[in-house]
Protein backbone atom coordinates (compact mmCIF):
# COMPACT_ATOMS: atom_id res chain seq x y z
CA MET A 1 0.23 0.18 -0.04
CA SER A 2 1.58 3.10 -1.22
CA LEU A 3 2.14 6.18 1.55
CA LEU A 4 -0.72 8.15 0.46
CA LEU A 5 -3.16 4.93 0.83
CA THR A 6 -1.97 4.81 4.16
CA ARG A 7 -2.38 7.76 5.36
CA LEU A 8 -5.93 8.43 3.52
CA PHE A 9 -7.06 5.03 5.30
CA PHE A 10 -5.96 6.04 8.43
CA LEU A 11 -7.62 9.56 7.92
CA ILE A 12 -10.81 7.40 7.59
CA THR A 13 -10.24 5.39 10.31
CA LEU A 14 -9.80 8.19 12.61
CA SER A 15 -12.85 10.01 11.33
CA VAL A 16 -15.14 6.94 11.93
CA ALA A 17 -14.08 6.67 15.12
CA SER A 18 -14.17 10.00 15.84
CA THR A 19 -17.99 10.05 14.75
CA LEU A 20 -18.43 6.62 17.02
CA VAL A 21 -17.35 8.36 19.90
CA GLN A 22 -19.19 11.88 19.03
CA ALA A 23 -22.15 9.95 18.76
CA ALA A 24 -21.85 8.04 22.16
CA THR A 25 -21.42 11.15 23.69
CA ASP A 26 -24.60 12.85 22.15
CA VAL A 27 -26.98 10.36 23.86
CA HIS A 28 -29.82 11.83 26.12
CA HIS A 29 -30.51 10.15 28.98
CA TYR A 30 -34.50 11.07 29.54
CA VAL A 31 -34.98 10.38 33.90
CA VAL A 32 -38.73 10.49 34.74
CA ASP A 33 -39.14 9.59 38.63
CA ILE A 34 -41.81 6.91 39.56
CA GLN A 35 -43.96 5.77 42.09
CA ILE A 36 -42.37 2.39 43.21
CA LEU A 37 -39.47 1.32 45.52
CA GLU A 38 -37.97 -2.10 43.69
CA PRO A 39 -36.21 -1.79 40.44
CA GLU A 40 -37.47 -5.07 39.36
CA ARG A 41 -41.00 -4.54 39.48
CA GLN A 42 -40.16 -2.38 36.12
CA VAL A 43 -42.16 -5.59 34.99
CA GLU A 44 -45.47 -4.48 36.19
CA TYR A 45 -47.85 -3.07 34.09
CA CYS A 46 -47.98 0.87 34.83
CA PRO A 47 -44.23 0.62 34.62
CA THR A 48 -43.67 -1.18 31.46
CA LEU A 49 -46.60 0.61 29.66
CA LEU A 50 -45.29 4.08 30.74
CA LYS A 51 -42.25 3.15 29.22
CA MET A 52 -43.58 2.00 26.07
CA ILE A 53 -45.57 5.40 25.82
CA LEU A 54 -42.20 7.08 26.48
CA ASN A 55 -39.94 5.24 24.01
CA ALA A 56 -42.59 6.27 21.75
CA SER A 57 -42.41 9.88 21.72
CA LYS A 58 -38.47 9.91 22.45
CA ALA A 59 -36.09 11.31 20.08
CA PRO A 60 -33.22 8.91 18.22
CA ASN A 61 -30.72 9.65 20.52
CA GLU A 62 -32.57 9.50 23.85
CA VAL A 63 -32.51 7.16 25.98
CA ILE A 64 -35.45 6.68 29.04
CA ASP A 65 -34.38 5.68 32.39
CA PHE A 66 -36.28 5.50 35.17
CA ASN A 67 -35.59 6.47 38.73
CA TYR A 68 -37.26 4.30 41.49
CA ASN A 69 -38.09 5.67 45.01
CA ASP A 70 -36.58 4.79 47.83
CA ARG A 71 -39.07 5.61 50.39
CA ARG A 72 -42.16 4.04 50.89
CA PHE A 73 -45.06 6.79 50.81
CA SER A 74 -48.66 6.83 50.82
CA GLN A 75 -50.60 7.32 47.66
CA ALA A 76 -51.33 11.00 49.44
CA ARG A 77 -48.06 11.77 50.12
CA TRP A 78 -47.28 10.49 46.27
CA PHE A 79 -49.68 12.86 45.16
CA ALA A 80 -48.20 15.48 47.30
CA GLU A 81 -44.92 14.94 46.10
CA VAL A 82 -45.58 15.35 42.62
CA GLN A 83 -47.91 18.78 43.16
CA ARG A 84 -44.61 20.12 44.70
CA ASN A 85 -41.71 18.80 42.76
CA THR A 86 -41.73 20.23 39.00
CA SER A 87 -39.00 17.56 37.56
CA ASN A 88 -40.59 14.30 35.47
CA ASN A 89 -42.25 13.01 38.14
CA VAL A 90 -44.96 10.71 37.22
CA ILE A 91 -47.82 9.25 39.42
CA TRP A 92 -50.49 6.93 37.87
CA THR A 93 -53.86 6.76 39.93
CA VAL A 94 -57.94 7.22 39.78
CA THR A 95 -59.29 10.41 38.73
CA THR A 96 -61.84 12.50 40.63
CA LYS A 97 -62.38 15.90 40.04
CA GLU A 98 -60.16 16.92 43.16
CA ARG A 99 -57.07 15.14 42.25
CA GLU A 100 -57.52 16.74 38.18
CA GLU A 101 -57.58 20.37 39.96
CA LEU A 102 -53.88 19.37 41.42
CA LEU A 103 -52.14 17.60 38.97
CA ARG A 104 -52.26 17.53 35.90
CA PRO A 105 -53.88 14.35 33.97
CA ILE A 106 -53.02 12.83 30.66
CA ARG A 107 -56.91 11.88 29.93
CA ILE A 108 -56.50 8.29 28.47
CA PRO A 109 -57.40 5.16 30.97
CA VAL A 110 -54.66 2.77 31.22
CA PHE A 111 -56.70 0.05 32.33
CA LYS A 112 -59.54 0.66 29.91
CA GLY A 113 -61.93 1.50 32.63
CA LEU A 114 -61.59 -1.74 34.37
CA LEU A 115 -60.83 -0.90 37.88
CA GLY A 116 -64.54 0.74 37.87
CA GLN A 117 -65.18 -2.88 37.19
CA ARG A 118 -65.81 -4.54 40.74
CA ILE A 119 -66.33 -8.07 42.58
CA LEU A 120 -67.47 -9.00 46.00
CA VAL A 121 -64.80 -10.42 47.72
CA ILE A 122 -67.33 -12.32 50.28
CA ARG A 123 -66.97 -15.23 53.33
CA LYS A 124 -67.76 -18.26 51.59
CA GLU A 125 -70.52 -19.70 53.79
CA ASP A 126 -72.28 -15.89 52.49
CA GLN A 127 -72.71 -16.59 48.73
CA ALA A 128 -76.48 -17.51 49.17
CA LYS A 129 -77.56 -14.41 50.80
CA PHE A 130 -75.34 -12.64 47.64
CA SER A 131 -77.20 -14.70 45.48
CA LYS A 132 -80.54 -12.95 46.09
CA VAL A 133 -79.74 -9.24 45.48
CA LYS A 134 -81.19 -8.42 42.31
CA THR A 135 -80.76 -4.68 42.93
CA LEU A 136 -78.88 -1.33 44.20
CA GLN A 137 -81.61 -1.47 46.92
CA ASP A 138 -81.14 -4.86 47.57
CA LEU A 139 -77.22 -4.23 47.95
CA THR A 140 -77.76 -1.63 50.54
CA ALA A 141 -78.75 -4.60 53.16
CA PHE A 142 -75.20 -5.08 53.45
CA ARG A 143 -72.03 -3.45 54.78
CA ALA A 144 -68.97 -2.70 52.38
CA GLY A 145 -65.45 -2.40 53.66
CA GLN A 146 -63.05 0.25 51.36
CA GLY A 147 -60.21 2.16 52.02
CA ILE A 148 -59.56 5.19 53.88
CA HIS A 149 -59.24 7.98 51.20
CA TRP A 150 -60.16 5.78 48.42
CA PRO A 151 -62.12 7.30 45.62
CA ASP A 152 -64.07 4.09 45.39
CA THR A 153 -65.57 4.76 49.14
CA ASP A 154 -66.88 8.03 48.44
CA ILE A 155 -68.83 6.48 45.33
CA MET A 156 -70.00 3.75 47.61
CA ILE A 157 -71.82 6.16 49.99
CA ALA A 158 -72.84 8.29 47.29
CA ASN A 159 -74.90 5.13 46.12
CA GLY A 160 -76.27 5.08 49.46
CA LEU A 161 -73.98 1.65 50.31
CA PRO A 162 -73.07 1.66 53.91
CA VAL A 163 -69.59 1.46 54.08
CA THR A 164 -66.73 0.49 57.41
CA VAL A 165 -63.40 2.09 55.99
CA GLY A 166 -60.19 0.64 57.37
CA ALA A 167 -56.63 0.78 56.34
CA GLY A 168 -55.11 -0.74 53.14
CA ALA A 169 -56.75 -3.94 51.38
CA GLU A 170 -54.58 -6.79 53.56
CA ASN A 171 -56.14 -5.23 56.71
CA LEU A 172 -59.92 -4.82 55.33
CA TYR A 173 -59.39 -8.66 53.85
CA LYS A 174 -58.94 -9.44 57.54
CA MET A 175 -61.46 -7.22 58.79
CA LEU A 176 -64.03 -9.41 56.29
CA LYS A 177 -63.03 -12.56 57.56
CA VAL A 178 -63.53 -11.64 61.87
CA LYS A 179 -67.15 -10.01 59.91
CA ARG A 180 -66.21 -6.29 60.50
CA PHE A 181 -68.40 -5.92 57.15
CA ASP A 182 -70.15 -8.24 54.44
CA TYR A 183 -68.23 -7.83 51.21
CA PHE A 184 -64.71 -6.44 50.29
CA PRO A 185 -65.74 -4.65 46.59
CA ARG A 186 -61.91 -5.44 44.20
CA GLY A 187 -61.39 -4.16 41.15
CA ILE A 188 -61.87 -7.07 38.76
CA LEU A 189 -57.98 -6.84 38.16
CA GLU A 190 -56.91 -6.14 41.96
CA LEU A 191 -58.08 -10.04 42.07
CA MET A 192 -54.71 -11.81 41.13
CA PRO A 193 -52.37 -9.70 42.82
CA GLU A 194 -54.17 -10.40 45.68
CA ALA A 195 -54.61 -13.98 45.91
CA GLU A 196 -52.58 -14.82 48.73
CA HIS A 197 -54.46 -12.59 50.92
CA ILE A 198 -58.01 -13.96 49.89
CA LYS A 199 -56.59 -17.39 50.45
CA GLU A 200 -55.08 -16.89 53.59
CA ASN A 201 -58.52 -15.18 54.99
CA TYR A 202 -60.58 -17.97 53.87
CA VAL A 203 -62.54 -15.83 51.62
CA THR A 204 -64.01 -16.06 48.00
CA ALA A 205 -65.11 -14.18 45.01
CA GLU A 206 -68.65 -13.55 44.99
CA GLU A 207 -70.38 -15.52 41.78
CA ASP A 208 -73.21 -13.81 40.80
CA LEU A 209 -72.68 -9.69 40.98
CA LEU A 210 -70.65 -7.29 39.54
CA LEU A 211 -71.01 -3.85 40.78
CA SER A 212 -69.80 -1.24 37.63
CA TYR A 213 -69.19 2.38 37.51
CA PRO A 214 -66.82 4.81 35.53
CA SER A 215 -64.13 5.28 36.93
CA ALA A 216 -60.14 5.97 35.15
CA MET A 217 -57.00 5.85 36.10
CA TYR A 218 -54.67 8.32 34.52
CA PHE A 219 -50.92 9.29 34.59
CA PHE A 220 -50.49 12.22 36.47
CA VAL A 221 -47.77 15.13 36.09
CA ASN A 222 -47.21 18.26 38.06
CA LYS A 223 -49.20 21.07 36.44
CA LYS A 224 -46.29 22.79 35.07
CA ASN A 225 -44.61 20.27 33.63
CA THR A 226 -45.87 21.11 29.83
CA GLU A 227 -42.74 19.46 28.07
CA LEU A 228 -43.44 15.73 30.20
CA ALA A 229 -47.18 16.07 29.67
CA GLU A 230 -47.08 16.85 26.24
CA ARG A 231 -44.36 13.86 25.53
CA ILE A 232 -46.87 11.18 27.10
CA GLU A 233 -49.90 12.53 25.00
CA LYS A 234 -47.78 12.44 21.85
CA GLY A 235 -46.70 8.57 23.12
CA TRP A 236 -49.99 7.42 24.09
CA ALA A 237 -51.63 8.68 20.32
CA VAL A 238 -48.76 6.38 18.59
CA ILE A 239 -49.34 3.12 20.59
CA LEU A 240 -52.86 3.67 19.93
CA LYS A 241 -52.88 3.83 16.63
CA ASN A 242 -50.50 1.57 15.72
CA GLY A 243 -51.94 -1.02 17.94
CA GLU A 244 -49.21 -1.84 20.47
CA PHE A 245 -51.43 -0.62 23.66
CA ASP A 246 -54.13 -2.85 22.36
CA LYS A 247 -51.42 -5.78 21.73
CA PHE A 248 -50.62 -4.98 25.48
CA PHE A 249 -53.09 -4.94 27.02
CA TYR A 250 -55.11 -8.13 26.10
CA SER A 251 -52.02 -10.17 26.77
CA HIS A 252 -51.21 -8.84 29.89
CA PRO A 253 -51.76 -11.80 32.83
CA ARG A 254 -53.47 -8.94 34.90
CA VAL A 255 -55.95 -8.66 32.08
CA VAL A 256 -56.32 -12.65 30.88
CA GLU A 257 -57.30 -13.37 34.42
CA ALA A 258 -59.58 -10.72 34.76
CA ILE A 259 -61.55 -11.70 31.30
CA GLU A 260 -61.35 -14.98 32.34
CA GLU A 261 -63.08 -14.39 35.57
CA LEU A 262 -65.52 -12.40 33.84
CA LYS A 263 -66.37 -15.14 31.45
CA LYS A 264 -66.21 -17.64 34.12
CA HIS A 265 -69.69 -16.62 35.76
CA LYS A 266 -72.76 -14.86 34.01
CA ARG A 267 -73.23 -11.70 36.84
CA ARG A 268 -75.67 -9.67 37.09
CA ILE A 269 -74.75 -5.75 36.51
CA ILE A 270 -75.60 -3.53 38.92
CA LYS A 271 -74.47 0.05 37.81
CA LEU A 272 -73.53 3.09 40.23
CA GLU A 273 -73.41 6.82 39.91
CA ASN A 274 -69.68 8.23 39.91
CA PRO A 275 -70.53 12.17 41.06
CA TYR A 276 -66.85 12.62 41.25
CA LEU A 277 -65.85 11.60 37.60
CA PRO A 278 -64.88 14.81 36.32
CA ALA A 279 -66.66 16.28 33.24
CA GLU A 280 -63.85 16.03 31.05
CA THR A 281 -63.69 12.08 31.36
CA PRO A 282 -63.46 11.01 27.59
CA LEU A 283 -66.35 8.41 28.01
CA ASP A 284 -67.39 9.47 24.17
CA HIS A 285 -64.34 7.59 23.15
CA PRO A 286 -65.30 3.94 22.78
CA GLU A 287 -62.04 2.85 22.18
CA TYR A 288 -60.45 3.72 25.39
CA TRP A 289 -62.68 1.49 27.26
CA LEU A 290 -63.85 -1.94 27.98
CA ASP A 291 -67.28 -2.99 27.35
CA VAL A 292 -67.71 -5.33 30.40
CA SER A 293 -70.85 -6.38 29.13
CA LYS A 294 -69.97 -8.81 25.77
CA TYR A 295 -68.00 -11.12 28.26
């Protein structure tokens, strides 16, 4: 090889190497703080969906990273944290008028409204009593157990249903077992993650009834973080249009289990009003919601 060609080869190699180094240094890490503790829980539904959404709206040189919290906060504390901190904080929770006044919602329901479809968990020996319930008025003869500060608690009370409150699902299962109340309404998506609590307390999913009311879990961000809100909205639009969300939703184990539970028993649907649902809720977008009546 001539001296000229050798120099040319060297210069080309040097240029390529320089370009690769520059490309590597140009990678931008977009960091989002999320509301869970352990990194291994990244495989769970909401973190996985959020990562899909952000990846769908990222620039070619961006990498999406999650920053996990190292403290166990109550949901109320998390809400206050996101309200206070204008950085890239995301929380996912059921919407209410009050919550939408405090934070900016991304108004696409992450579970297609399934959290408003609630199966009653009861003591096994009480199935015959609940089989006689035909109407909302019939159900008022029984007392529900609900969590303090849960939006569903206010919905139950607004519909005239007697409620006993407790702190947290685990404690409420124990209260049901010792007859502090008669039934514990759980979102149909919550039965699978709580299967161990159900087994430990010798309770079971009631077979004849389904409480149904419009309810949406959204991703929320700080009201001032317009950039993050618009990124999430853009990413949502992409995965809704290309079918990636439906593919993820209908294949997720929690959703598969929930639909199987709906198919297992032909339940009577008792509809409740949700007076706390914001007027801006996109009920006129049927593609956002799962129609449980077809199961």
